[in-house]
Amino acid sequence: MPLVEGGRPIARFRVLGFPVTVDISFLIVIGILGWYPGVEVRDVVIWIVLATVSVLVHELGHAVVARTTGAAPVITLAGLGGLTSYVPPAPVSRARSIAISVAGPAVGIVIGLALLAVDVLVDVRSDLWSSVLSIGIFITLAWSVLNLLPILPLDGG
């Protein structure tokens, strides 16, 4: 499994048959990104959990489409985000390559829009669930749109 140079994996498991490694650096960076003066510890924990799940689901989007090439993708969450590594057994067409790149952000946008619909259509009275929805909407939509920018190493690059 590819790891970050000098990485410290804290979890290894499989999702949909894909090997996944989570490095401590990912959780540290995500925690730092979710912290700001005055934030409640509860909201930082929600942020870390939702960001981890969101990035994993994003990478699963890439992995599922990459699997259609005959490759055996591997997912690593480390540092500032996730990485889906794969080696297709044959050259991949430009269209298939674009589909693999767009699959991750597309999954995030679909989930974000579903969360937004829940937020608009359901009267959430719980402060906890309101935080979960607002953080979830931000993470899925904002990060997916950001990831589509035409800049390497982002998916749009």
C-alpha atoms as a PDB file:
ATOM      1  CA  MET A   1       0.000   0.000   0.000  1.00  0.00           C
ATOM      2  CA  PRO A   2       1.420   3.426  -0.855  1.00  0.00           C
ATOM      3  CA  LEU A   3       2.185   5.522   2.166  1.00  0.00           C
ATOM      4  CA  VAL A   4       3.454   8.996   2.734  1.00  0.00           C
ATOM      5  CA  GLU A   5       7.224   9.041   3.172  1.00  0.00           C
ATOM      6  CA  GLY A   6       7.780   8.587   6.896  1.00  0.00           C
ATOM      7  CA  GLY A   7       4.033   8.222   7.411  1.00  0.00           C
ATOM      8  CA  ARG A   8       2.410   6.792  10.507  1.00  0.00           C
ATOM      9  CA  PRO A   9      -0.626   4.719   9.562  1.00  0.00           C
ATOM     10  CA  ILE A  10      -3.150   4.522  12.380  1.00  0.00           C
ATOM     11  CA  ALA A  11      -5.788   2.480  10.566  1.00  0.00           C
ATOM     12  CA  ARG A  12      -5.900  -0.051   7.753  1.00  0.00           C
ATOM     13  CA  PHE A  13      -9.150  -1.555   6.516  1.00  0.00           C
ATOM     14  CA  ARG A  14     -11.129  -2.344   3.369  1.00  0.00           C
ATOM     15  CA  VAL A  15     -14.173  -0.575   1.947  1.00  0.00           C
ATOM     16  CA  LEU A  16     -15.950  -2.084  -1.067  1.00  0.00           C
ATOM     17  CA  GLY A  17     -12.917  -4.325  -1.426  1.00  0.00           C
ATOM     18  CA  PHE A  18     -10.445  -1.422  -1.671  1.00  0.00           C
ATOM     19  CA  PRO A  19      -7.534  -1.316   0.795  1.00  0.00           C
ATOM     20  CA  VAL A  20      -7.592   1.936   2.786  1.00  0.00           C
ATOM     21  CA  THR A  21      -4.817   3.394   4.941  1.00  0.00           C
ATOM     22  CA  VAL A  22      -5.387   6.387   7.230  1.00  0.00           C
ATOM     23  CA  ASP A  23      -2.231   8.197   8.318  1.00  0.00           C
ATOM     24  CA  ILE A  24      -2.051  10.220  11.546  1.00  0.00           C
ATOM     25  CA  SER A  25      -0.974  13.253   9.488  1.00  0.00           C
ATOM     26  CA  PHE A  26      -4.403  13.318   7.835  1.00  0.00           C
ATOM     27  CA  LEU A  27      -6.248  13.517  11.157  1.00  0.00           C
ATOM     28  CA  ILE A  28      -3.851  16.168  12.483  1.00  0.00           C
ATOM     29  CA  VAL A  29      -4.225  18.380   9.394  1.00  0.00           C
ATOM     30  CA  ILE A  30      -8.009  17.902   9.287  1.00  0.00           C
ATOM     31  CA  GLY A  31      -8.197  18.778  12.999  1.00  0.00           C
ATOM     32  CA  ILE A  32      -6.174  21.956  12.437  1.00  0.00           C
ATOM     33  CA  LEU A  33      -8.407  22.939   9.499  1.00  0.00           C
ATOM     34  CA  GLY A  34     -11.510  22.462  11.655  1.00  0.00           C
ATOM     35  CA  TRP A  35     -10.252  24.532  14.566  1.00  0.00           C
ATOM     36  CA  TYR A  36     -10.731  28.270  15.000  1.00  0.00           C
ATOM     37  CA  PRO A  37     -10.901  30.477  18.112  1.00  0.00           C
ATOM     38  CA  GLY A  38     -14.138  29.910  19.977  1.00  0.00           C
ATOM     39  CA  VAL A  39     -15.147  26.668  18.236  1.00  0.00           C
ATOM     40  CA  GLU A  40     -16.707  24.032  20.470  1.00  0.00           C
ATOM     41  CA  VAL A  41     -14.818  20.772  20.881  1.00  0.00           C
ATOM     42  CA  ARG A  42     -17.982  18.973  19.749  1.00  0.00           C
ATOM     43  CA  ASP A  43     -17.881  20.822  16.413  1.00  0.00           C
ATOM     44  CA  VAL A  44     -14.188  20.004  15.884  1.00  0.00           C
ATOM     45  CA  VAL A  45     -14.963  16.322  16.483  1.00  0.00           C
ATOM     46  CA  ILE A  46     -17.910  16.524  14.040  1.00  0.00           C
ATOM     47  CA  TRP A  47     -15.607  18.236  11.531  1.00  0.00           C
ATOM     48  CA  ILE A  48     -12.912  15.543  11.845  1.00  0.00           C
ATOM     49  CA  VAL A  49     -15.411  12.678  11.498  1.00  0.00           C
ATOM     50  CA  LEU A  50     -17.310  14.226   8.574  1.00  0.00           C
ATOM     51  CA  ALA A  51     -14.158  15.360   6.765  1.00  0.00           C
ATOM     52  CA  THR A  52     -12.651  11.884   7.086  1.00  0.00           C
ATOM     53  CA  VAL A  53     -15.814  10.204   5.801  1.00  0.00           C
ATOM     54  CA  SER A  54     -16.195  12.802   3.038  1.00  0.00           C
ATOM     55  CA  VAL A  55     -12.624  12.407   1.786  1.00  0.00           C
ATOM     56  CA  LEU A  56     -12.932   8.609   1.961  1.00  0.00           C
ATOM     57  CA  VAL A  57     -16.194   8.634  -0.030  1.00  0.00           C
ATOM     58  CA  HIS A  58     -14.604  11.049  -2.524  1.00  0.00           C
ATOM     59  CA  GLU A  59     -11.684   8.648  -3.012  1.00  0.00           C
ATOM     60  CA  LEU A  60     -14.099   5.720  -3.298  1.00  0.00           C
ATOM     61  CA  GLY A  61     -15.692   7.564  -6.232  1.00  0.00           C
ATOM     62  CA  HIS A  62     -12.324   7.574  -7.993  1.00  0.00           C
ATOM     63  CA  ALA A  63     -11.621   3.960  -7.016  1.00  0.00           C
ATOM     64  CA  VAL A  64     -14.946   2.556  -8.229  1.00  0.00           C
ATOM     65  CA  VAL A  65     -14.529   4.147 -11.662  1.00  0.00           C
ATOM     66  CA  ALA A  66     -10.820   3.214 -11.818  1.00  0.00           C
ATOM     67  CA  ARG A  67     -11.769  -0.399 -11.091  1.00  0.00           C
ATOM     68  CA  THR A  68     -13.674  -0.451 -14.422  1.00  0.00           C
ATOM     69  CA  THR A  69     -10.287  -0.298 -16.181  1.00  0.00           C
ATOM     70  CA  GLY A  70      -9.272  -3.590 -14.582  1.00  0.00           C
ATOM     71  CA  ALA A  71      -7.037  -1.850 -12.050  1.00  0.00           C
ATOM     72  CA  ALA A  72      -6.903  -2.626  -8.324  1.00  0.00           C
ATOM     73  CA  PRO A  73      -7.065   0.833  -6.682  1.00  0.00           C
ATOM     74  CA  VAL A  74      -5.634   1.565  -3.236  1.00  0.00           C
ATOM     75  CA  ILE A  75      -6.766   4.507  -1.086  1.00  0.00           C
ATOM     76  CA  THR A  76      -4.540   6.493   1.272  1.00  0.00           C
ATOM     77  CA  LEU A  77      -5.685   9.361   3.509  1.00  0.00           C
ATOM     78  CA  ALA A  78      -2.627  11.387   4.512  1.00  0.00           C
ATOM     79  CA  GLY A  79      -1.523  14.979   4.912  1.00  0.00           C
ATOM     80  CA  LEU A  80      -3.935  17.397   3.250  1.00  0.00           C
ATOM     81  CA  GLY A  81      -6.239  14.808   1.707  1.00  0.00           C
ATOM     82  CA  GLY A  82      -6.681  11.514   0.001  1.00  0.00           C
ATOM     83  CA  LEU A  83      -5.042   9.680  -2.846  1.00  0.00           C
ATOM     84  CA  THR A  84      -6.407   6.849  -4.949  1.00  0.00           C
ATOM     85  CA  SER A  85      -3.537   4.976  -6.598  1.00  0.00           C
ATOM     86  CA  TYR A  86      -4.054   2.506  -9.404  1.00  0.00           C
ATOM     87  CA  VAL A  87      -2.223   1.011 -12.352  1.00  0.00           C
ATOM     88  CA  PRO A  88      -4.532   0.047 -15.210  1.00  0.00           C
ATOM     89  CA  PRO A  89      -3.545  -3.100 -17.114  1.00  0.00           C
ATOM     90  CA  ALA A  90      -3.898  -1.255 -20.434  1.00  0.00           C
ATOM     91  CA  PRO A  91      -3.794   2.381 -21.587  1.00  0.00           C
ATOM     92  CA  VAL A  92      -6.817   4.388 -20.477  1.00  0.00           C
ATOM     93  CA  SER A  93      -8.692   6.640 -22.905  1.00  0.00           C
ATOM     94  CA  ARG A  94      -8.822  10.369 -22.243  1.00  0.00           C
ATOM     95  CA  ALA A  95     -12.572  10.117 -21.591  1.00  0.00           C
ATOM     96  CA  ARG A  96     -12.101   7.324 -19.035  1.00  0.00           C
ATOM     97  CA  SER A  97      -9.284   9.261 -17.362  1.00  0.00           C
ATOM     98  CA  ILE A  98     -11.531  12.328 -17.068  1.00  0.00           C
ATOM     99  CA  ALA A  99     -14.355  10.152 -15.700  1.00  0.00           C
ATOM    100  CA  ILE A 100     -12.030   8.789 -13.007  1.00  0.00           C
ATOM    101  CA  SER A 101     -10.921  12.321 -12.078  1.00  0.00           C
ATOM    102  CA  VAL A 102     -14.447  13.749 -11.946  1.00  0.00           C
ATOM    103  CA  ALA A 103     -15.967  10.786 -10.079  1.00  0.00           C
ATOM    104  CA  GLY A 104     -14.633  11.877  -6.668  1.00  0.00           C
ATOM    105  CA  PRO A 105     -15.901  15.474  -6.746  1.00  0.00           C
ATOM    106  CA  ALA A 106     -19.174  14.304  -8.344  1.00  0.00           C
ATOM    107  CA  VAL A 107     -19.874  12.015  -5.392  1.00  0.00           C
ATOM    108  CA  GLY A 108     -19.197  14.905  -2.994  1.00  0.00           C
ATOM    109  CA  ILE A 109     -21.492  17.257  -4.902  1.00  0.00           C
ATOM    110  CA  VAL A 110     -24.324  14.699  -4.941  1.00  0.00           C
ATOM    111  CA  ILE A 111     -23.980  14.099  -1.192  1.00  0.00           C
ATOM    112  CA  GLY A 112     -23.708  17.834  -0.497  1.00  0.00           C
ATOM    113  CA  LEU A 113     -26.848  18.584  -2.509  1.00  0.00           C
ATOM    114  CA  ALA A 114     -28.705  15.798  -0.680  1.00  0.00           C
ATOM    115  CA  LEU A 115     -27.635  17.283   2.674  1.00  0.00           C
ATOM    116  CA  LEU A 116     -28.681  20.734   1.465  1.00  0.00           C
ATOM    117  CA  ALA A 117     -32.109  19.353   0.505  1.00  0.00           C
ATOM    118  CA  VAL A 118     -32.474  17.813   3.971  1.00  0.00           C
ATOM    119  CA  ASP A 119     -31.491  21.145   5.528  1.00  0.00           C
ATOM    120  CA  VAL A 120     -34.094  23.018   3.458  1.00  0.00           C
ATOM    121  CA  LEU A 121     -36.915  20.471   3.662  1.00  0.00           C
ATOM    122  CA  VAL A 122     -36.586  19.191   7.234  1.00  0.00           C
ATOM    123  CA  ASP A 123     -37.026  21.398  10.268  1.00  0.00           C
ATOM    124  CA  VAL A 124     -33.991  20.337  12.287  1.00  0.00           C
ATOM    125  CA  ARG A 125     -34.503  21.525  15.838  1.00  0.00           C
ATOM    126  CA  SER A 126     -31.464  19.864  17.371  1.00  0.00           C
ATOM    127  CA  ASP A 127     -28.339  22.006  17.666  1.00  0.00           C
ATOM    128  CA  LEU A 128     -26.209  18.881  17.201  1.00  0.00           C
ATOM    129  CA  TRP A 129     -27.910  17.840  13.938  1.00  0.00           C
ATOM    130  CA  SER A 130     -27.892  21.413  12.710  1.00  0.00           C
ATOM    131  CA  SER A 131     -24.105  21.457  13.182  1.00  0.00           C
ATOM    132  CA  VAL A 132     -23.751  18.083  11.450  1.00  0.00           C
ATOM    133  CA  LEU A 133     -25.772  19.321   8.462  1.00  0.00           C
ATOM    134  CA  SER A 134     -24.020  22.672   8.092  1.00  0.00           C
ATOM    135  CA  ILE A 135     -20.530  21.175   8.449  1.00  0.00           C
ATOM    136  CA  GLY A 136     -21.436  18.300   6.121  1.00  0.00           C
ATOM    137  CA  ILE A 137     -22.785  20.673   3.458  1.00  0.00           C
ATOM    138  CA  PHE A 138     -19.682  22.841   3.610  1.00  0.00           C
ATOM    139  CA  ILE A 139     -17.223  19.943   3.505  1.00  0.00           C
ATOM    140  CA  THR A 140     -18.880  18.111   0.631  1.00  0.00           C
ATOM    141  CA  LEU A 141     -19.792  21.050  -1.603  1.00  0.00           C
ATOM    142  CA  ALA A 142     -16.939  23.483  -0.962  1.00  0.00           C
ATOM    143  CA  TRP A 143     -14.226  20.853  -1.102  1.00  0.00           C
ATOM    144  CA  SER A 144     -15.677  19.236  -4.230  1.00  0.00           C
ATOM    145  CA  VAL A 145     -15.821  22.556  -6.079  1.00  0.00           C
ATOM    146  CA  LEU A 146     -12.321  23.462  -4.861  1.00  0.00           C
ATOM    147  CA  ASN A 147     -11.050  20.062  -6.016  1.00  0.00           C
ATOM    148  CA  LEU A 148     -12.318  20.735  -9.557  1.00  0.00           C
ATOM    149  CA  LEU A 149     -10.030  23.763  -9.997  1.00  0.00           C
ATOM    150  CA  PRO A 150      -7.598  23.223 -12.889  1.00  0.00           C
ATOM    151  CA  ILE A 151      -4.570  23.025 -10.591  1.00  0.00           C
ATOM    152  CA  LEU A 152      -2.348  20.009  -9.957  1.00  0.00           C
ATOM    153  CA  PRO A 153      -2.537  17.932  -7.782  1.00  0.00           C
ATOM    154  CA  LEU A 154      -6.290  18.631  -7.565  1.00  0.00           C
ATOM    155  CA  ASP A 155      -8.679  16.507  -9.622  1.00  0.00           C
ATOM    156  CA  GLY A 156      -9.316  19.365 -12.057  1.00  0.00           C
ATOM    157  CA  GLY A 157      -5.594  19.543 -12.850  1.00  0.00           C
END
